[in-house]
């Protein structure tokens, strides 16, 4: 495990200085670097890093025209500062997951820097982390490049990955059991008599969607279905596409053309279900009388508000975020070893599924 922030001299010094600043008046000058070196018997680099931390928190400032740091009027002290590193394309999943993680961190008095990357191959982990105390990394489906694998094998600060870590990388991670999502959806529909279950993709390629699709495929094979490729509807949504609109337009055209018969649809993402419900309605196909629809509930609790309300495999995203933050906190405080956690989901039946019509 890398040396954590709580073990570093500059963090301990920053804590001492923060306490001293709290007893000073606004505008009072801080001791010089030389004075602090002598007082705490530490190096200039340690003093400068500790002061930089206080400057980031807004506790001290350097007024224009002066050389001395003084106590600031306003500040934002934080126990830890964390980099949230995510792809730069819009995604309801990433937006909502980032929101609940930040909320969980703020309950611990954490501050966050939001950092984005275009591709994993262009991600400089050290640069993205900056001078933050740790990081939470949301990867995309791209293979981890060699330079990122090297950085993750020996990170100089704690990192938690939101998916399975690459093979050979001993980094903490938390992920949804996405294969279980696909399995639960198919098992529910099979129990209602459905066999011809369509897979409707609606998001750019990502590990979560791929695992959910694999769960669909394996369970379909388990119930005896074959020729599964003819049941896959893939609009080929790309990053920065309007995924819901693209899926709706593609599925509308699919329904108008000759296609394999089906009695149910599984959507690995909630955006696909929203698009499917509209396309089916406009095609005169009743849900759930003619076709049943199941989706992953997504991270926005949208399912109960759709019409009909959506049967969905759902994950308690608040608990999910809490596990991510707890795991990073243990790494920051060196109170726990590297862990790879999996979060379970459950199916909530609502109004979009019913027994198959014979």
Protein backbone atom coordinates (compact mmCIF):
# COMPACT_ATOMS: atom_id res chain seq x y z
CA UNK A 1 0.00 0.00 0.00
CA UNK A 2 1.38 3.46 -0.79
CA UNK A 3 2.24 5.80 2.04
CA UNK A 4 -1.00 7.52 2.90
CA UNK A 5 -1.65 11.17 3.55
CA UNK A 6 -2.11 10.72 7.30
CA UNK A 7 1.46 9.37 7.50
CA UNK A 8 3.10 12.30 5.73
CA UNK A 9 4.91 15.08 7.56
CA UNK A 10 3.31 17.85 5.52
CA UNK A 11 -0.21 16.62 6.40
CA UNK A 12 0.63 16.49 10.10
CA UNK A 13 2.21 19.94 9.88
CA UNK A 14 -0.84 21.29 8.04
CA UNK A 15 -3.04 20.05 10.89
CA UNK A 16 -0.88 21.87 13.43
CA UNK A 17 -0.83 25.05 11.36
CA UNK A 18 -4.59 24.90 10.85
CA UNK A 19 -5.06 24.86 14.61
CA UNK A 20 -2.71 27.85 14.99
CA UNK A 21 -4.48 29.81 12.24
CA UNK A 22 -7.79 29.19 13.99
CA UNK A 23 -6.53 31.16 16.97
CA UNK A 24 -5.33 34.13 14.89
CA UNK A 25 -7.22 37.19 13.67
CA UNK A 26 -8.09 37.94 10.04
CA UNK A 27 -5.13 39.69 8.41
CA UNK A 28 -2.55 38.46 10.92
CA UNK A 29 0.70 37.41 9.18
CA UNK A 30 1.87 33.80 9.26
CA UNK A 31 5.39 32.97 10.45
CA UNK A 32 7.94 32.79 7.64
CA UNK A 33 9.02 29.50 6.10
CA UNK A 34 12.33 29.78 7.93
CA UNK A 35 10.56 30.32 11.25
CA UNK A 36 8.31 27.33 10.66
CA UNK A 37 11.28 25.15 9.69
CA UNK A 38 13.01 26.00 12.93
CA UNK A 39 9.88 25.65 15.05
CA UNK A 40 8.85 22.24 13.71
CA UNK A 41 12.31 20.93 12.80
CA UNK A 42 11.36 19.94 9.26
CA UNK A 43 12.46 20.66 5.70
CA UNK A 44 11.49 23.64 3.56
CA UNK A 45 9.64 21.31 1.14
CA UNK A 46 7.51 20.00 4.00
CA UNK A 47 6.64 23.51 5.14
CA UNK A 48 5.79 24.67 1.63
CA UNK A 49 3.50 21.66 0.99
CA UNK A 50 1.72 22.25 4.29
CA UNK A 51 1.21 25.92 3.48
CA UNK A 52 0.00 25.07 -0.03
CA UNK A 53 -2.66 22.89 1.54
CA UNK A 54 -3.85 25.76 3.74
CA UNK A 55 -3.88 28.08 0.71
CA UNK A 56 -6.07 25.64 -1.22
CA UNK A 57 -8.47 25.55 1.69
CA UNK A 58 -8.56 29.35 1.67
CA UNK A 59 -7.30 29.63 5.22
CA UNK A 60 -4.37 31.86 4.23
CA UNK A 61 -3.82 34.30 1.38
CA UNK A 62 -1.04 36.51 0.07
CA UNK A 63 -2.49 40.04 -0.40
CA UNK A 64 -1.41 41.92 -3.50
CA UNK A 65 1.83 43.79 -3.04
CA UNK A 66 2.97 41.76 -0.02
CA UNK A 67 5.30 38.81 0.47
CA UNK A 68 3.81 37.48 3.70
CA UNK A 69 0.84 35.13 3.91
CA UNK A 70 -1.98 36.32 6.14
CA UNK A 71 -5.10 34.80 7.66
CA UNK A 72 -7.96 34.96 5.16
CA UNK A 73 -11.47 36.39 5.65
CA UNK A 74 -13.18 33.24 4.34
CA UNK A 75 -12.04 29.66 4.01
CA UNK A 76 -13.10 26.16 3.04
CA UNK A 77 -11.18 23.80 5.30
CA UNK A 78 -11.59 20.13 4.42
CA UNK A 79 -10.48 16.94 6.12
CA UNK A 80 -9.42 15.50 2.76
CA UNK A 81 -9.41 16.73 -0.82
CA UNK A 82 -10.29 14.15 -3.46
CA UNK A 83 -10.06 14.14 -7.26
CA UNK A 84 -13.14 12.72 -9.01
CA UNK A 85 -11.77 11.53 -12.38
CA UNK A 86 -14.38 10.63 -15.03
CA UNK A 87 -14.86 10.61 -18.81
CA UNK A 88 -15.71 13.98 -20.32
CA UNK A 89 -18.84 12.85 -22.23
CA UNK A 90 -22.31 13.50 -20.75
CA UNK A 91 -23.78 10.46 -19.03
CA UNK A 92 -26.77 10.29 -16.65
CA UNK A 93 -25.02 7.43 -14.85
CA UNK A 94 -21.78 9.34 -14.31
CA UNK A 95 -23.61 12.53 -13.34
CA UNK A 96 -25.77 10.87 -10.70
CA UNK A 97 -23.00 8.64 -9.37
CA UNK A 98 -20.66 11.62 -9.06
CA UNK A 99 -23.38 13.55 -7.22
CA UNK A 100 -24.03 10.89 -4.56
CA UNK A 101 -20.32 10.23 -4.05
CA UNK A 102 -19.70 13.94 -3.48
CA UNK A 103 -22.64 14.04 -1.04
CA UNK A 104 -21.19 11.09 0.88
CA UNK A 105 -17.80 12.79 0.97
CA UNK A 106 -19.21 16.11 2.13
CA UNK A 107 -20.79 14.39 5.11
CA UNK A 108 -17.18 13.67 6.08
CA UNK A 109 -16.08 17.25 5.36
CA UNK A 110 -14.29 16.31 2.13
CA UNK A 111 -13.75 18.65 -0.79
CA UNK A 112 -13.69 17.45 -4.42
CA UNK A 113 -11.96 18.47 -7.63
CA UNK A 114 -13.80 17.25 -10.73
CA UNK A 115 -11.33 16.11 -13.38
CA UNK A 116 -12.28 14.74 -16.81
CA UNK A 117 -10.43 12.81 -19.51
CA UNK A 118 -11.23 12.14 -23.17
CA UNK A 119 -9.70 8.68 -23.39
CA UNK A 120 -7.84 6.46 -20.93
CA UNK A 121 -4.85 6.55 -23.26
CA UNK A 122 -4.68 10.33 -22.75
CA UNK A 123 -5.18 10.20 -18.98
CA UNK A 124 -2.18 11.30 -16.91
CA UNK A 125 -3.14 9.99 -13.47
CA UNK A 126 -0.62 12.06 -11.53
CA UNK A 127 -1.68 15.25 -13.32
CA UNK A 128 -5.38 14.50 -12.81
CA UNK A 129 -4.83 13.85 -9.10
CA UNK A 130 -2.88 17.09 -8.75
CA UNK A 131 -2.17 17.81 -5.11
CA UNK A 132 -5.34 16.08 -3.91
CA UNK A 133 -5.06 13.50 -1.15
CA UNK A 134 -6.65 10.67 -3.13
CA UNK A 135 -8.77 9.92 -6.17
CA UNK A 136 -11.88 8.10 -7.37
CA UNK A 137 -11.56 6.88 -10.96
CA UNK A 138 -14.55 6.14 -13.21
CA UNK A 139 -13.10 4.27 -16.21
CA UNK A 140 -14.62 3.91 -19.66
CA UNK A 141 -14.66 0.71 -21.73
CA UNK A 142 -11.28 1.40 -23.32
CA UNK A 143 -8.50 -1.01 -22.40
CA UNK A 144 -6.18 0.36 -19.70
CA UNK A 145 -3.02 1.59 -21.49
CA UNK A 146 0.40 0.52 -20.24
CA UNK A 147 1.32 3.91 -18.76
CA UNK A 148 -1.87 3.93 -16.68
CA UNK A 149 -1.28 0.36 -15.49
CA UNK A 150 2.18 1.40 -14.32
CA UNK A 151 0.72 4.38 -12.44
CA UNK A 152 -1.95 2.21 -10.79
CA UNK A 153 0.48 -0.49 -9.72
CA UNK A 154 2.28 1.91 -7.40
CA UNK A 155 0.09 4.99 -6.86
CA UNK A 156 1.65 7.51 -4.52
CA UNK A 157 -1.78 8.26 -3.09
CA UNK A 158 -4.89 6.12 -2.54
CA UNK A 159 -7.12 5.44 -5.56
CA UNK A 160 -10.50 3.69 -5.72
CA UNK A 161 -11.73 2.43 -9.10
CA UNK A 162 -15.44 2.12 -9.85
CA UNK A 163 -15.27 -1.24 -11.67
CA UNK A 164 -13.04 -4.30 -11.47
CA UNK A 165 -9.39 -3.19 -11.47
CA UNK A 166 -7.17 -4.34 -14.33
CA UNK A 167 -5.46 -7.69 -13.83
CA UNK A 168 -2.25 -7.39 -11.84
CA UNK A 169 -3.21 -4.03 -10.31
CA UNK A 170 -3.74 -4.06 -6.56
CA UNK A 171 -6.05 -1.07 -6.21
CA UNK A 172 -9.27 -0.87 -4.22
CA UNK A 173 -12.49 -1.00 -6.22
CA UNK A 174 -16.28 -1.04 -5.87
CA UNK A 175 -18.65 -2.14 -8.62
CA UNK A 176 -22.21 -3.25 -9.19
CA UNK A 177 -22.62 -6.96 -9.94
CA UNK A 178 -23.63 -6.13 -13.49
CA UNK A 179 -23.86 -9.72 -14.69
CA UNK A 180 -26.42 -10.23 -11.92
CA UNK A 181 -28.45 -7.36 -13.40
CA UNK A 182 -28.82 -9.19 -16.71
CA UNK A 183 -29.49 -12.49 -14.97
CA UNK A 184 -32.22 -11.12 -12.71
CA UNK A 185 -33.97 -9.44 -15.65
CA UNK A 186 -34.07 -12.61 -17.76
CA UNK A 187 -35.05 -14.84 -14.83
CA UNK A 188 -37.98 -12.55 -14.02
CA UNK A 189 -39.21 -12.53 -17.60
CA UNK A 190 -38.70 -16.30 -17.98
CA UNK A 191 -40.80 -16.88 -14.86
CA UNK A 192 -43.60 -15.01 -16.68
CA UNK A 193 -43.26 -17.33 -19.66
CA UNK A 194 -41.10 -15.13 -21.92
CA UNK A 195 -38.39 -16.73 -24.02
CA UNK A 196 -37.81 -14.35 -26.92
CA UNK A 197 -36.25 -11.53 -24.92
CA UNK A 198 -34.72 -8.69 -26.95
CA UNK A 199 -31.51 -6.99 -25.77
CA UNK A 200 -31.74 -3.24 -26.53
CA UNK A 201 -28.45 -1.37 -26.10
CA UNK A 202 -28.63 2.39 -25.62
CA UNK A 203 -25.30 3.67 -24.27
CA UNK A 204 -21.73 3.90 -25.56
CA UNK A 205 -19.66 0.78 -24.78
CA UNK A 206 -18.79 0.59 -21.10
CA UNK A 207 -17.85 -2.26 -18.74
CA UNK A 208 -21.19 -2.07 -16.90
CA UNK A 209 -23.23 -2.46 -20.07
CA UNK A 210 -21.02 -5.24 -21.37
CA UNK A 211 -21.36 -7.23 -18.13
CA UNK A 212 -25.15 -6.75 -18.10
CA UNK A 213 -25.33 -7.94 -21.69
CA UNK A 214 -23.23 -10.97 -20.78
CA UNK A 215 -25.61 -11.73 -17.91
CA UNK A 216 -28.50 -11.59 -20.40
CA UNK A 217 -26.71 -13.89 -22.85
CA UNK A 218 -25.69 -16.52 -20.29
CA UNK A 219 -29.13 -16.68 -18.73
CA UNK A 220 -30.81 -16.87 -22.12
CA UNK A 221 -28.61 -19.86 -22.92
CA UNK A 222 -29.50 -21.38 -19.55
CA UNK A 223 -33.22 -21.27 -20.35
CA UNK A 224 -32.51 -22.94 -23.69
CA UNK A 225 -32.61 -20.04 -26.15
CA UNK A 226 -30.35 -20.05 -29.20
CA UNK A 227 -29.57 -17.71 -32.11
CA UNK A 228 -29.22 -14.88 -29.63
CA UNK A 229 -27.49 -12.47 -32.01
CA UNK A 230 -30.77 -11.92 -33.87
CA UNK A 231 -32.24 -10.65 -30.58
CA UNK A 232 -29.56 -7.96 -30.09
CA UNK A 233 -30.59 -4.44 -31.15
CA UNK A 234 -27.55 -2.16 -31.13
CA UNK A 235 -27.95 1.48 -32.29
CA UNK A 236 -24.14 1.90 -32.00
CA UNK A 237 -24.45 4.92 -29.72
CA UNK A 238 -21.18 6.85 -29.44
CA UNK A 239 -19.86 9.19 -26.75
CA UNK A 240 -21.51 12.63 -26.95
CA UNK A 241 -24.51 11.22 -28.85
CA UNK A 242 -27.97 11.92 -27.48
CA UNK A 243 -28.32 8.29 -26.41
CA UNK A 244 -32.05 8.36 -25.68
CA UNK A 245 -32.95 10.03 -28.99
CA UNK A 246 -30.58 7.85 -31.01
CA UNK A 247 -31.99 4.69 -29.45
CA UNK A 248 -35.59 5.81 -29.97
CA UNK A 249 -35.00 6.57 -33.66
CA UNK A 250 -33.13 3.31 -34.27
CA UNK A 251 -35.67 1.14 -32.42
CA UNK A 252 -38.56 2.86 -34.22
CA UNK A 253 -37.01 1.85 -37.56
CA UNK A 254 -36.32 -1.64 -36.24
CA UNK A 255 -40.01 -2.12 -35.39
CA UNK A 256 -41.07 -1.01 -38.87
CA UNK A 257 -38.87 -3.58 -40.59
CA UNK A 258 -38.90 -7.36 -40.64
CA UNK A 259 -37.29 -8.59 -37.42
CA UNK A 260 -37.05 -11.63 -35.18
CA UNK A 261 -40.18 -12.16 -33.08
CA UNK A 262 -39.95 -11.16 -29.42
CA UNK A 263 -42.26 -10.83 -26.42
CA UNK A 264 -40.00 -8.89 -24.04
CA UNK A 265 -37.19 -6.34 -24.03
CA UNK A 266 -34.26 -6.05 -21.62
CA UNK A 267 -32.47 -2.68 -21.56
CA UNK A 268 -29.08 -2.62 -19.76
CA UNK A 269 -29.58 1.15 -19.28
CA UNK A 270 -32.68 3.09 -18.26
CA UNK A 271 -32.31 5.41 -21.27
CA UNK A 272 -33.07 2.43 -23.48
CA UNK A 273 -36.29 1.71 -21.60
CA UNK A 274 -37.48 5.32 -21.98
CA UNK A 275 -36.81 5.14 -25.73
CA UNK A 276 -38.37 1.68 -26.05
CA UNK A 277 -41.60 2.61 -24.26
CA UNK A 278 -42.21 5.52 -26.61
CA UNK A 279 -41.28 3.57 -29.76
CA UNK A 280 -43.51 0.62 -28.80
CA UNK A 281 -46.41 2.92 -27.95
CA UNK A 282 -46.15 4.73 -31.28
CA UNK A 283 -46.00 1.37 -33.09
CA UNK A 284 -49.28 0.35 -31.48
CA UNK A 285 -47.62 -2.28 -29.28
CA UNK A 286 -49.06 -2.34 -25.77
CA UNK A 287 -46.81 -2.64 -22.72
CA UNK A 288 -47.12 -5.03 -20.94
CA UNK A 289 -50.02 -6.72 -22.76
CA UNK A 290 -48.05 -7.35 -25.98
CA UNK A 291 -44.46 -6.84 -24.88
CA UNK A 292 -42.87 -6.67 -21.42
CA UNK A 293 -39.97 -4.31 -20.67
CA UNK A 294 -37.28 -4.60 -17.98
CA UNK A 295 -34.25 -2.35 -17.53
CA UNK A 296 -31.48 -1.55 -15.16
CA UNK A 297 -33.02 1.19 -13.06
CA UNK A 298 -30.13 3.56 -13.59
CA UNK A 299 -28.87 6.00 -11.00
CA UNK A 300 -31.64 8.59 -11.11
CA UNK A 301 -34.63 6.73 -9.63
CA UNK A 302 -36.57 7.42 -12.84
CA UNK A 303 -38.32 4.04 -13.08
CA UNK A 304 -41.38 4.75 -10.85
CA UNK A 305 -42.15 7.98 -12.73
CA UNK A 306 -42.39 6.50 -16.23
CA UNK A 307 -45.73 5.45 -17.76
CA UNK A 308 -46.27 2.63 -17.28
CA UNK A 309 -43.97 2.54 -14.27
CA UNK A 310 -40.88 0.55 -15.16
CA UNK A 311 -40.01 -2.90 -13.81
CA UNK A 312 -36.30 -2.56 -13.11
CA UNK A 313 -33.26 -4.15 -11.55
CA UNK A 314 -32.18 -1.49 -9.08
CA UNK A 315 -29.14 -0.74 -6.95
CA UNK A 316 -29.23 1.40 -3.84
CA UNK A 317 -26.95 4.06 -5.26
CA UNK A 318 -26.64 5.90 -1.94
CA UNK A 319 -25.25 2.77 -0.29
CA UNK A 320 -23.08 2.21 -3.36
CA UNK A 321 -21.53 5.68 -3.02
CA UNK A 322 -21.12 5.22 0.72
CA UNK A 323 -19.06 2.05 0.16
CA UNK A 324 -16.83 3.89 -2.31
CA UNK A 325 -16.19 6.73 0.12
CA UNK A 326 -15.72 4.40 3.10
CA UNK A 327 -13.15 2.38 1.18
CA UNK A 328 -11.20 5.48 0.16
CA UNK A 329 -11.38 6.81 3.71
CA UNK A 330 -9.82 3.60 5.05
CA UNK A 331 -7.01 3.98 2.53
CA UNK A 332 -6.46 7.63 3.45
CA UNK A 333 -6.34 6.83 7.15
CA UNK A 334 -4.52 3.50 6.70
CA UNK A 335 -7.16 1.63 8.68
CA UNK A 336 -7.85 -1.08 6.08
CA UNK A 337 -6.22 -3.07 3.31
CA UNK A 338 -6.95 -2.94 -0.42
CA UNK A 339 -10.41 -4.36 -1.10
CA UNK A 340 -12.49 -5.18 -4.17
CA UNK A 341 -16.18 -4.93 -3.28
CA UNK A 342 -19.25 -5.93 -5.30
CA UNK A 343 -22.66 -4.36 -4.71
CA UNK A 344 -25.79 -6.46 -5.22
CA UNK A 345 -29.04 -5.36 -6.88
CA UNK A 346 -32.65 -6.51 -6.75
CA UNK A 347 -35.56 -6.57 -9.18
CA UNK A 348 -38.56 -4.36 -8.46
CA UNK A 349 -41.66 -5.41 -10.39
CA UNK A 350 -43.91 -2.58 -11.49
CA UNK A 351 -46.23 -2.17 -14.48
CA UNK A 352 -44.15 -2.99 -17.57
CA UNK A 353 -44.01 -6.78 -17.14
CA UNK A 354 -46.77 -9.39 -17.31
CA UNK A 355 -47.25 -13.05 -18.26
CA UNK A 356 -46.62 -13.75 -21.91
CA UNK A 357 -49.72 -13.93 -24.15
CA UNK A 358 -50.18 -17.34 -25.75
